[in-house]
Structures are given as structure tokens and as C-alpha cells.
Amino acid sequence: MARLVFLGSPPAAVPSLRALVGAGHDVVQVVSRADTRRGRGSSASPSAVKRAALELGLAVGDRLDDAVEAGAELGVVVAYGRIVPARVLDALAMINVHFSLLPRWRGAAPVERAVLAGDDVTGVCVMRLEEGLDTGPVLASRDVTVAPGEHVAPLRARLAEIGAELLVETLAPGVAALGPGTPQRGEPTYAPKLSVEDLHLDWGRPAVELERVVRLDRAWTTVEGRRLLVLDAVARPDAPGDAPDPPGTVTSVGWATLVRTGAGLLDLVRVQPEGRRPMGASDWLRGWRTGPIRLGTPGPDR
């Protein structure tokens, strides 16, 4: 079994850490982000990886130098959230678990970008870490089918578990047997972090594209100037003879809450009005008492 350092922070990295320990590897040091404060006066909150490391009885810190000084054979990086500089890589070889099929979706948000692009297949790669952004040669990979309508959170959770399995399989023959890996082939695409505007529902876009935004779990629009989160929705085709209402117009057909888009209809399933709890879209619409609704328009005071 290998003597390892583990670098990671969010919940998606925890399955890999637990899998390494469960497989008998000696994780001599964990490096995670520094504790953060959520609000004024709140106590510092550790990362998900730090919490898991403490539960497992592992040494954990937030300095990259801790990784260099631990005397490990190899570093394992999973969603660490920082570029590992060349001086650290020169001192300790590292491999990385990345949640895409490289070179597609290099960068910080590969799962989100795969959903936004409508990818039917994504995957996991275990690669050798280089100073460049996810450019290293690939040691192992596994394809993962994206289920129709699958949201980003369950997809990421599946990829995290599959990545943990692939990592343990890759390390099973030992560090010396890893080999150089296979250079990435094909045109790279990049996955920058999402902005607030990436999550904004522009009703002039086609319904199929807006459904993908909703699957990111933080999609938003406005109704009379107040924010409305759209938590779940399904794209529907236009019915024959549908009147060309302006994009953003909301209509009720039976139990369906339909929003006109640039092409097709978005059937709202679950929403969260500003200052309220999540609810069924039909319940929200029935509680509306101010006449016709058109989403994405400012309130009367704006």
C-alpha cells in the first residue's frame, strides 16, 4: 500500500479520501482549504474533507508545504480548488481525479458545464498532475452516461463515487507501476466557474437550453422585480396552434405551469419565491393574486 498525501476540499472529494483509507493506503497528511466564516460573528467552518479527515483520525492542515514535508510517495488531488505550483510538483509527484473526459471540460466546473452543454456522456479521469490547467497525461478513465433530466448534484455525487473506485483501482498495483500515462488527445474545452448571470433564465432562449440551466439547481428569474428560484422544470414542445405570447408569459394548463420561451415551453415543476420556502409551481401560481404574470420583467417601482 502507498504512503500518500491527499489534497481536496468539497464534499465531492470525500469519497476518494474514504476509499483510499478503506483500501489500506497510508494517508499521512491531508491538505484542505482554510476554515471559512459564513457570516459576521459565526464560527469558522471546516471543509467537508477536513471534517472527514478528522473523523478518520488523519493529520490535516491548510499549507501546501505540509504536503511536501510529509514524506509521502505520491500526492492525490481531488477538487482541491487551487493550482498546485511547480515547486510543489517538483518535490512530490501528484495525480488528480477530474470529473470529465479530458481534454473536454478542463477547469473548475466540469460537471456544470457538461450539463449546460447537454452532454449525454461525461466521465472521470485519473491523470498525472502538471502545472497547467488539467493538461496532464491520463492514467485511467471511465465513461458515465448522463441520465435524461439529471440535475448537477446527483450527477456530481455519482461521479465522485465512480472516481473513488477508479482511483483505488489505479493505485492497486502500486505507485511504481503507474506509468507515464497517455497524452490527452482532441480539442480542449474549458469549464470556468459559473457566474450569477450563467444561472439567469433568459426567456428568449429555447426551452431545452433553459431546462439545462434549471438542472444546475440555482436557476433564477424575476416576477415583478422579486427573485424567483426555479428548482425543477421540464422543456415541452409547442402545441399546434399555440398563440405566440411574449417570452416569459406564464399560463396554466391543468396542473402544468407553462412559461413561453424563445422556442417551446418550460413546464415549471418546483419554485422558491423570494423569502419563502420551496413549493410546487402550481401552488405558487394559485397563490398569485395580481393578474397575468410575465417572468423576467421589472416591478412597477423599477
Protein backbone atom coordinates (compact mmCIF):
# COMPACT_ATOMS: atom_id res chain seq x y z
CA MET A 1 0.00 0.00 0.00
CA ALA A 2 1.14 3.53 -0.78
CA ARG A 3 2.15 6.35 1.54
CA LEU A 4 0.03 9.26 0.33
CA VAL A 5 -0.83 12.91 0.80
CA PHE A 6 -4.41 13.90 -0.06
CA LEU A 7 -5.45 17.38 -1.27
CA GLY A 8 -9.14 18.26 -1.52
CA SER A 9 -11.89 20.39 -0.04
CA PRO A 10 -15.56 19.93 -1.10
CA PRO A 11 -17.94 17.01 -0.48
CA ALA A 12 -17.17 15.54 -3.92
CA ALA A 13 -13.61 14.79 -2.73
CA VAL A 14 -14.67 12.89 0.41
CA PRO A 15 -15.48 9.53 -1.28
CA SER A 16 -11.94 9.38 -2.69
CA LEU A 17 -10.37 10.07 0.71
CA ARG A 18 -12.52 7.44 2.42
CA ALA A 19 -11.85 4.92 -0.37
CA LEU A 20 -8.07 5.33 -0.06
CA VAL A 21 -8.19 4.75 3.68
CA GLY A 22 -10.59 1.84 3.22
CA ALA A 23 -8.22 0.24 0.70
CA GLY A 24 -5.42 0.31 3.28
CA HIS A 25 -3.34 3.20 1.93
CA ASP A 26 -1.38 5.21 4.49
CA VAL A 27 -2.70 8.78 4.14
CA VAL A 28 -0.04 10.58 6.17
CA GLN A 29 -1.31 14.13 5.54
CA VAL A 30 -4.47 15.81 4.29
CA VAL A 31 -4.34 19.35 2.91
CA SER A 32 -7.60 21.27 2.56
CA ARG A 33 -8.75 24.87 2.35
CA ALA A 34 -8.55 27.01 5.46
CA ASP A 35 -11.67 27.18 7.65
CA THR A 36 -14.11 29.86 6.48
CA ARG A 37 -16.73 32.01 8.19
CA ARG A 38 -20.23 32.09 6.69
CA GLY A 39 -21.33 35.37 8.25
CA ARG A 40 -20.44 38.07 10.75
CA GLY A 41 -19.88 36.60 14.20
CA SER A 42 -20.22 32.99 13.04
CA SER A 43 -17.68 30.35 13.98
CA ALA A 44 -15.16 29.10 11.44
CA SER A 45 -16.43 26.21 9.33
CA PRO A 46 -14.09 23.44 8.14
CA SER A 47 -14.27 21.98 4.65
CA ALA A 48 -16.03 18.67 4.06
CA VAL A 49 -12.65 17.00 3.50
CA LYS A 50 -11.24 18.37 6.76
CA ARG A 51 -14.25 17.07 8.68
CA ALA A 52 -13.85 13.63 7.10
CA ALA A 53 -10.10 13.60 7.79
CA LEU A 54 -10.65 14.39 11.45
CA GLU A 55 -13.27 11.64 11.70
CA LEU A 56 -10.73 9.22 10.19
CA GLY A 57 -8.03 10.34 12.61
CA LEU A 58 -5.78 11.79 9.90
CA ALA A 59 -3.41 14.74 10.14
CA VAL A 60 -4.91 17.73 8.33
CA GLY A 61 -3.69 21.25 7.55
CA ASP A 62 -4.11 24.03 5.01
CA ARG A 63 -0.48 24.60 3.89
CA LEU A 64 0.86 23.13 0.67
CA ASP A 65 4.21 22.83 2.39
CA ASP A 66 2.59 20.24 4.66
CA ALA A 67 2.25 18.02 1.59
CA VAL A 68 5.93 18.40 0.69
CA GLU A 69 7.15 17.78 4.23
CA ALA A 70 5.03 14.67 4.93
CA GLY A 71 7.44 12.17 3.39
CA ALA A 72 4.83 10.68 1.05
CA GLU A 73 5.39 8.70 -2.14
CA LEU A 74 2.58 10.44 -4.04
CA GLY A 75 0.04 13.19 -3.73
CA VAL A 76 -3.63 12.64 -4.67
CA VAL A 77 -5.65 15.71 -5.65
CA VAL A 78 -9.45 15.76 -5.86
CA ALA A 79 -11.24 19.10 -6.28
CA TYR A 80 -8.63 20.93 -4.23
CA GLY A 81 -9.67 24.29 -5.68
CA ARG A 82 -6.17 25.74 -6.12
CA ILE A 83 -3.45 25.39 -8.72
CA VAL A 84 -0.58 23.34 -7.28
CA PRO A 85 2.60 25.29 -8.10
CA ALA A 86 5.59 23.82 -9.90
CA ARG A 87 7.81 23.92 -6.79
CA VAL A 88 5.43 21.52 -5.03
CA LEU A 89 5.10 19.23 -8.06
CA ASP A 90 8.90 19.14 -8.39
CA ALA A 91 9.11 17.93 -4.81
CA LEU A 92 6.22 15.43 -4.90
CA ALA A 93 4.60 13.71 -7.88
CA MET A 94 0.82 14.00 -7.84
CA ILE A 95 -2.20 12.51 -9.58
CA ASN A 96 -5.60 14.11 -9.94
CA VAL A 97 -9.18 12.81 -10.12
CA HIS A 98 -11.06 15.05 -12.57
CA PHE A 99 -14.79 14.81 -13.25
CA SER A 100 -14.82 14.89 -17.05
CA LEU A 101 -13.38 13.06 -20.04
CA LEU A 102 -10.32 15.16 -20.72
CA PRO A 103 -9.50 17.23 -22.66
CA ARG A 104 -13.20 18.13 -22.58
CA TRP A 105 -14.06 20.46 -19.70
CA ARG A 106 -10.73 21.37 -18.22
CA GLY A 107 -11.20 23.71 -15.29
CA ALA A 108 -13.19 24.38 -12.13
CA ALA A 109 -16.76 23.48 -13.15
CA PRO A 110 -16.66 20.42 -15.45
CA VAL A 111 -19.90 18.84 -14.20
CA GLU A 112 -21.89 22.08 -14.51
CA ARG A 113 -20.54 22.78 -17.99
CA ALA A 114 -21.35 19.26 -19.17
CA VAL A 115 -24.95 19.71 -18.04
CA LEU A 116 -25.21 23.16 -19.66
CA ALA A 117 -23.86 21.81 -22.94
CA GLY A 118 -26.35 18.95 -22.97
CA ASP A 119 -23.65 16.25 -22.93
CA ASP A 120 -25.15 12.75 -22.95
CA VAL A 121 -21.88 11.22 -21.72
CA THR A 122 -19.28 12.58 -19.34
CA GLY A 123 -16.87 10.69 -17.12
CA VAL A 124 -13.93 10.61 -14.75
CA CYS A 125 -10.20 10.73 -15.44
CA VAL A 126 -7.27 9.92 -13.19
CA MET A 127 -4.32 11.85 -14.57
CA ARG A 128 -0.82 12.91 -13.67
CA LEU A 129 -0.85 16.47 -12.37
CA GLU A 130 1.08 19.16 -14.22
CA GLU A 131 1.36 22.88 -13.58
CA GLY A 132 -1.03 23.57 -16.49
CA LEU A 133 -4.80 23.55 -16.11
CA ASP A 134 -5.79 19.84 -16.27
CA THR A 135 -3.29 19.16 -19.04
CA GLY A 136 -1.56 16.07 -17.65
CA PRO A 137 -1.45 12.61 -19.25
CA VAL A 138 -4.33 10.30 -18.37
CA LEU A 139 -3.70 7.12 -16.35
CA ALA A 140 -7.28 5.81 -16.38
CA SER A 141 -10.74 6.96 -17.39
CA ARG A 142 -14.33 5.81 -17.21
CA ASP A 143 -17.34 6.95 -19.24
CA VAL A 144 -20.51 7.90 -17.35
CA THR A 145 -23.89 8.35 -19.02
CA VAL A 146 -25.83 11.45 -18.00
CA ALA A 147 -29.42 10.44 -17.26
CA PRO A 148 -32.15 12.42 -19.05
CA GLY A 149 -33.07 15.41 -16.89
CA GLU A 150 -30.38 14.60 -14.30
CA HIS A 151 -29.50 17.55 -12.06
CA VAL A 152 -25.93 18.52 -11.32
CA ALA A 153 -25.90 17.49 -7.64
CA PRO A 154 -26.79 13.80 -8.13
CA LEU A 155 -24.57 13.61 -11.22
CA ARG A 156 -21.62 15.01 -9.26
CA ALA A 157 -22.30 12.56 -6.43
CA ARG A 158 -22.26 9.64 -8.92
CA LEU A 159 -19.03 10.88 -10.48
CA ALA A 160 -17.45 11.25 -7.04
CA GLU A 161 -18.21 7.61 -6.16
CA ILE A 162 -17.05 6.34 -9.57
CA GLY A 163 -13.92 8.47 -9.33
CA ALA A 164 -13.13 6.99 -5.92
CA GLU A 165 -13.45 3.45 -7.30
CA LEU A 166 -11.28 4.29 -10.32
CA LEU A 167 -8.63 5.90 -8.09
CA VAL A 168 -8.34 2.82 -5.88
CA GLU A 169 -8.15 0.56 -8.95
CA THR A 170 -5.44 2.74 -10.49
CA LEU A 171 -3.29 2.63 -7.34
CA ALA A 172 -3.81 -1.08 -6.64
CA PRO A 173 -0.63 -2.25 -8.49
CA GLY A 174 1.44 0.31 -6.57
CA VAL A 175 2.87 3.77 -7.20
CA ALA A 176 5.87 2.42 -9.16
CA ALA A 177 3.51 0.73 -11.63
CA LEU A 178 1.54 3.85 -12.55
CA GLY A 179 3.48 4.58 -15.72
CA PRO A 180 3.66 7.89 -17.59
CA GLY A 181 0.03 7.94 -18.75
CA THR A 182 -1.46 8.68 -22.16
CA PRO A 183 -1.28 12.25 -23.52
CA GLN A 184 -4.66 13.90 -23.93
CA ARG A 185 -5.97 13.94 -27.49
CA GLY A 186 -8.52 16.20 -29.10
CA GLU A 187 -9.58 19.82 -28.91
CA PRO A 188 -9.80 21.02 -25.29
CA THR A 189 -12.82 22.82 -23.93
CA TYR A 190 -12.83 24.82 -20.73
CA ALA A 191 -15.12 24.90 -17.71
CA PRO A 192 -14.84 28.20 -15.83
CA LYS A 193 -16.78 28.74 -12.63
CA LEU A 194 -20.40 29.73 -13.07
CA SER A 195 -21.43 33.35 -12.67
CA VAL A 196 -24.77 34.61 -11.39
CA GLU A 197 -25.64 35.50 -14.98
CA ASP A 198 -24.99 31.92 -16.13
CA LEU A 199 -27.85 30.91 -13.82
CA HIS A 200 -30.25 33.61 -15.03
CA LEU A 201 -33.19 32.31 -17.08
CA ASP A 202 -33.34 34.36 -20.28
CA TRP A 203 -36.81 33.57 -21.62
CA GLY A 204 -35.79 34.42 -25.17
CA ARG A 205 -33.66 31.25 -25.26
CA PRO A 206 -35.09 27.82 -26.24
CA ALA A 207 -36.80 25.78 -23.54
CA VAL A 208 -34.34 22.89 -23.92
CA GLU A 209 -31.46 25.22 -23.01
CA LEU A 210 -33.34 26.73 -20.08
CA GLU A 211 -34.09 23.26 -18.69
CA ARG A 212 -30.33 22.65 -18.54
CA VAL A 213 -29.85 25.86 -16.56
CA VAL A 214 -32.54 24.70 -14.11
CA ARG A 215 -30.67 21.39 -13.70
CA LEU A 216 -27.82 23.38 -12.12
CA ASP A 217 -30.14 23.83 -9.08
CA ARG A 218 -29.64 27.60 -8.71
CA ALA A 219 -31.57 28.99 -11.70
CA TRP A 220 -33.40 32.25 -11.16
CA THR A 221 -35.74 34.72 -12.78
CA THR A 222 -37.80 37.64 -11.52
CA VAL A 223 -41.51 38.29 -11.10
CA GLU A 224 -42.49 41.92 -10.63
CA GLY A 225 -38.93 42.69 -9.60
CA ARG A 226 -38.67 39.96 -6.96
CA ARG A 227 -36.42 36.97 -7.41
CA LEU A 228 -37.94 33.55 -8.11
CA LEU A 229 -35.76 30.44 -7.99
CA VAL A 230 -36.74 27.69 -10.41
CA LEU A 231 -35.71 24.42 -8.78
CA ASP A 232 -37.11 21.94 -11.29
CA ALA A 233 -38.63 22.24 -14.76
CA VAL A 234 -39.11 20.27 -17.97
CA ALA A 235 -38.93 21.51 -21.56
CA ARG A 236 -42.09 20.93 -23.60
CA PRO A 237 -42.68 21.43 -27.33
CA ASP A 238 -45.18 23.96 -28.59
CA ALA A 239 -48.69 22.62 -29.09
CA PRO A 240 -50.13 23.05 -32.62
CA GLY A 241 -51.84 26.41 -32.93
CA ASP A 242 -50.22 27.89 -29.80
CA ALA A 243 -50.51 31.68 -29.73
CA PRO A 244 -47.11 33.43 -29.88
CA ASP A 245 -47.21 35.01 -26.41
CA PRO A 246 -44.16 37.09 -25.45
CA PRO A 247 -41.30 35.10 -23.87
CA GLY A 248 -41.74 34.83 -20.11
CA THR A 249 -45.55 34.69 -20.24
CA VAL A 250 -46.94 32.21 -17.69
CA THR A 251 -50.06 30.15 -18.40
CA SER A 252 -51.77 27.36 -16.50
CA VAL A 253 -52.96 24.25 -18.35
CA GLY A 254 -54.44 21.72 -15.95
CA TRP A 255 -51.78 21.18 -13.30
CA ALA A 256 -49.00 22.45 -15.56
CA THR A 257 -47.41 25.87 -15.11
CA LEU A 258 -46.03 26.76 -18.54
CA VAL A 259 -43.69 29.58 -19.47
CA ARG A 260 -43.34 30.72 -23.07
CA THR A 261 -39.71 30.73 -24.24
CA GLY A 262 -37.91 31.61 -27.43
CA ALA A 263 -38.72 28.08 -28.70
CA GLY A 264 -41.09 25.79 -26.83
CA LEU A 265 -42.46 25.92 -23.31
CA LEU A 266 -40.80 25.42 -19.94
CA ASP A 267 -43.05 23.48 -17.57
CA LEU A 268 -42.22 24.71 -14.07
CA VAL A 269 -42.35 21.91 -11.51
CA ARG A 270 -40.89 23.41 -8.33
CA VAL A 271 -40.04 27.00 -7.43
CA GLN A 272 -38.99 29.12 -4.46
CA PRO A 273 -40.30 32.68 -4.25
CA GLU A 274 -38.08 35.26 -2.58
CA GLY A 275 -38.31 34.97 1.20
CA ARG A 276 -40.37 31.76 1.12
CA ARG A 277 -39.85 28.00 1.16
CA PRO A 278 -39.72 25.79 -1.96
CA MET A 279 -43.14 24.80 -3.29
CA GLY A 280 -44.86 23.24 -6.26
CA ALA A 281 -45.15 25.66 -9.17
CA SER A 282 -48.92 25.12 -9.39
CA ASP A 283 -49.28 26.07 -5.69
CA TRP A 284 -47.24 29.21 -6.29
CA LEU A 285 -49.35 30.16 -9.30
CA ARG A 286 -52.63 29.59 -7.47
CA GLY A 287 -51.46 31.94 -4.74
CA TRP A 288 -50.84 34.74 -7.23
CA ARG A 289 -53.48 37.45 -6.95
CA THR A 290 -52.24 40.31 -9.11
CA GLY A 291 -53.39 39.22 -12.54
CA PRO A 292 -51.36 37.89 -15.50
CA ILE A 293 -47.72 37.02 -14.90
CA ARG A 294 -44.77 37.62 -17.13
CA LEU A 295 -41.44 36.49 -15.75
CA GLY A 296 -38.22 38.41 -16.17
CA THR A 297 -39.88 41.85 -16.12
CA PRO A 298 -39.09 44.55 -13.53
CA GLY A 299 -41.53 45.58 -10.84
CA PRO A 300 -43.52 48.78 -11.05
CA ASP A 301 -41.02 50.61 -8.82
CA ARG A 302 -38.06 49.93 -11.10
